[in-house]
Amino acid sequence: MDKIDPNIAQQFFKAVLSLKTEQECRSFFEDVCTIKEFQDLAQRLQVAFLLDEGKNYQEISKITSVSSATISRVNRCLVYGDGGYRTVIGRLRKEGDNNG
């Protein structure tokens, strides 16, 4: 995969960080992504949560209908990645604990 221009990536990240509400976020991603792209992104996050809960590949595939290749990729990111999934999972779980 070709690397993206750092300036373009920075602009995109700043755009995401500028969003203030869930509705703004929904509108932005509906404009930026195709339905399939958004589904793929959302499913990867769901897979990360399920892996974090200790579910195995077969259970995750049955729950999400995601391929084992995608589950494996997400798992590699959880184990060897930059910590993005871990950050989001931790924050969302903490937020859930505060709201529940």
C-alpha atoms as a PDB file:
ATOM      1  CA  MET A   1       0.000   0.000   0.000  1.00  0.00           C
ATOM      2  CA  ASP A   2       1.291   3.440  -0.871  1.00  0.00           C
ATOM      3  CA  LYS A   3       1.945   5.820   1.988  1.00  0.00           C
ATOM      4  CA  ILE A   4      -0.314   8.830   2.232  1.00  0.00           C
ATOM      5  CA  ASP A   5       1.164  12.313   2.130  1.00  0.00           C
ATOM      6  CA  PRO A   6       1.727  13.359   5.788  1.00  0.00           C
ATOM      7  CA  ASN A   7       0.126  16.756   5.160  1.00  0.00           C
ATOM      8  CA  ILE A   8      -3.022  15.141   3.786  1.00  0.00           C
ATOM      9  CA  ALA A   9      -3.136  12.721   6.716  1.00  0.00           C
ATOM     10  CA  GLN A  10      -2.671  15.586   9.176  1.00  0.00           C
ATOM     11  CA  GLN A  11      -5.526  17.513   7.557  1.00  0.00           C
ATOM     12  CA  PHE A  12      -7.789  14.459   7.816  1.00  0.00           C
ATOM     13  CA  PHE A  13      -6.898  13.839  11.484  1.00  0.00           C
ATOM     14  CA  LYS A  14      -7.519  17.498  12.311  1.00  0.00           C
ATOM     15  CA  ALA A  15     -10.865  17.292  10.534  1.00  0.00           C
ATOM     16  CA  VAL A  16     -11.882  14.281  12.648  1.00  0.00           C
ATOM     17  CA  LEU A  17     -10.684  15.968  15.841  1.00  0.00           C
ATOM     18  CA  SER A  18     -12.722  19.071  14.983  1.00  0.00           C
ATOM     19  CA  LEU A  19     -16.002  17.133  15.156  1.00  0.00           C
ATOM     20  CA  LYS A  20     -17.915  17.983  18.318  1.00  0.00           C
ATOM     21  CA  THR A  21     -20.974  15.733  18.363  1.00  0.00           C
ATOM     22  CA  GLU A  22     -21.924  12.219  17.363  1.00  0.00           C
ATOM     23  CA  GLN A  23     -24.215  13.696  14.700  1.00  0.00           C
ATOM     24  CA  GLU A  24     -21.341  15.742  13.218  1.00  0.00           C
ATOM     25  CA  CYS A  25     -19.219  12.600  13.201  1.00  0.00           C
ATOM     26  CA  ARG A  26     -21.971  10.568  11.550  1.00  0.00           C
ATOM     27  CA  SER A  27     -22.499  13.240   8.885  1.00  0.00           C
ATOM     28  CA  PHE A  28     -18.781  13.532   8.159  1.00  0.00           C
ATOM     29  CA  PHE A  29     -18.220   9.796   7.786  1.00  0.00           C
ATOM     30  CA  GLU A  30     -21.370   9.386   5.697  1.00  0.00           C
ATOM     31  CA  ASP A  31     -19.938  12.014   3.341  1.00  0.00           C
ATOM     32  CA  VAL A  32     -16.352  10.702   3.380  1.00  0.00           C
ATOM     33  CA  CYS A  33     -16.945   6.933   3.247  1.00  0.00           C
ATOM     34  CA  THR A  34     -19.029   4.631   1.152  1.00  0.00           C
ATOM     35  CA  ILE A  35     -21.468   2.503   3.123  1.00  0.00           C
ATOM     36  CA  LYS A  36     -19.143  -0.493   2.665  1.00  0.00           C
ATOM     37  CA  GLU A  37     -16.086   1.456   3.864  1.00  0.00           C
ATOM     38  CA  PHE A  38     -17.939   2.630   6.943  1.00  0.00           C
ATOM     39  CA  GLN A  39     -19.227  -0.893   7.648  1.00  0.00           C
ATOM     40  CA  ASP A  40     -15.671  -2.222   7.373  1.00  0.00           C
ATOM     41  CA  LEU A  41     -14.334   0.383   9.805  1.00  0.00           C
ATOM     42  CA  ALA A  42     -17.133  -0.193  12.303  1.00  0.00           C
ATOM     43  CA  GLN A  43     -16.765  -3.975  12.056  1.00  0.00           C
ATOM     44  CA  ARG A  44     -13.020  -3.786  12.714  1.00  0.00           C
ATOM     45  CA  LEU A  45     -13.690  -1.873  15.903  1.00  0.00           C
ATOM     46  CA  GLN A  46     -16.322  -4.431  16.904  1.00  0.00           C
ATOM     47  CA  VAL A  47     -13.788  -7.202  16.256  1.00  0.00           C
ATOM     48  CA  ALA A  48     -11.216  -5.383  18.417  1.00  0.00           C
ATOM     49  CA  PHE A  49     -13.714  -5.194  21.294  1.00  0.00           C
ATOM     50  CA  LEU A  50     -14.548  -8.897  20.944  1.00  0.00           C
ATOM     51  CA  LEU A  51     -10.869  -9.883  20.857  1.00  0.00           C
ATOM     52  CA  ASP A  52     -10.272  -7.741  23.923  1.00  0.00           C
ATOM     53  CA  GLU A  53     -13.084  -9.644  25.651  1.00  0.00           C
ATOM     54  CA  GLY A  54     -11.246 -12.908  24.930  1.00  0.00           C
ATOM     55  CA  LYS A  55     -13.508 -14.226  22.188  1.00  0.00           C
ATOM     56  CA  ASN A  56     -11.889 -16.624  19.708  1.00  0.00           C
ATOM     57  CA  TYR A  57     -11.838 -16.223  15.927  1.00  0.00           C
ATOM     58  CA  GLN A  58     -14.714 -18.640  15.363  1.00  0.00           C
ATOM     59  CA  GLU A  59     -16.958 -16.860  17.869  1.00  0.00           C
ATOM     60  CA  ILE A  60     -16.103 -13.475  16.378  1.00  0.00           C
ATOM     61  CA  SER A  61     -16.728 -14.654  12.829  1.00  0.00           C
ATOM     62  CA  LYS A  62     -20.119 -16.033  13.856  1.00  0.00           C
ATOM     63  CA  ILE A  63     -21.084 -12.781  15.637  1.00  0.00           C
ATOM     64  CA  THR A  64     -19.796 -10.378  12.982  1.00  0.00           C
ATOM     65  CA  SER A  65     -19.612 -12.365   9.719  1.00  0.00           C
ATOM     66  CA  VAL A  66     -16.069 -10.977   9.344  1.00  0.00           C
ATOM     67  CA  SER A  67     -13.426 -13.150   7.674  1.00  0.00           C
ATOM     68  CA  SER A  68     -10.662 -14.765   9.690  1.00  0.00           C
ATOM     69  CA  ALA A  69      -8.172 -12.673   7.678  1.00  0.00           C
ATOM     70  CA  THR A  70      -9.778  -9.455   8.962  1.00  0.00           C
ATOM     71  CA  ILE A  71      -9.915 -10.807  12.511  1.00  0.00           C
ATOM     72  CA  SER A  72      -6.240 -11.735  12.243  1.00  0.00           C
ATOM     73  CA  ARG A  73      -5.334  -8.270  10.974  1.00  0.00           C
ATOM     74  CA  VAL A  74      -7.180  -6.583  13.837  1.00  0.00           C
ATOM     75  CA  ASN A  75      -5.548  -8.962  16.306  1.00  0.00           C
ATOM     76  CA  ARG A  76      -2.090  -8.104  14.926  1.00  0.00           C
ATOM     77  CA  CYS A  77      -2.890  -4.428  15.411  1.00  0.00           C
ATOM     78  CA  LEU A  78      -4.020  -5.070  18.984  1.00  0.00           C
ATOM     79  CA  VAL A  79      -0.840  -6.988  19.772  1.00  0.00           C
ATOM     80  CA  TYR A  80       1.813  -5.217  17.680  1.00  0.00           C
ATOM     81  CA  GLY A  81       0.176  -1.973  16.507  1.00  0.00           C
ATOM     82  CA  ASP A  82       0.549   1.615  17.662  1.00  0.00           C
ATOM     83  CA  GLY A  83      -2.086   1.267  20.385  1.00  0.00           C
ATOM     84  CA  GLY A  84      -4.948   2.983  18.584  1.00  0.00           C
ATOM     85  CA  TYR A  85      -7.462   0.240  19.232  1.00  0.00           C
ATOM     86  CA  ARG A  86      -6.317  -0.084  22.852  1.00  0.00           C
ATOM     87  CA  THR A  87      -6.735   3.645  23.421  1.00  0.00           C
ATOM     88  CA  VAL A  88     -10.255   3.701  22.006  1.00  0.00           C
ATOM     89  CA  ILE A  89     -11.320   0.492  23.733  1.00  0.00           C
ATOM     90  CA  GLY A  90     -10.040   1.726  27.077  1.00  0.00           C
ATOM     91  CA  ARG A  91     -11.730   5.099  26.766  1.00  0.00           C
ATOM     92  CA  LEU A  92     -15.044   3.702  25.562  1.00  0.00           C
ATOM     93  CA  ARG A  93     -15.091   1.033  28.269  1.00  0.00           C
ATOM     94  CA  LYS A  94     -14.321   3.678  30.906  1.00  0.00           C
ATOM     95  CA  GLU A  95     -17.052   5.921  29.484  1.00  0.00           C
ATOM     96  CA  GLY A  96     -19.454   2.973  29.613  1.00  0.00           C
ATOM     97  CA  ASP A  97     -18.530   2.343  33.249  1.00  0.00           C
ATOM     98  CA  ASN A  98     -19.260   5.986  34.061  1.00  0.00           C
ATOM     99  CA  ASN A  99     -22.600   5.907  32.285  1.00  0.00           C
ATOM    100  CA  GLY A 100     -23.783   2.513  33.511  1.00  0.00           C
END
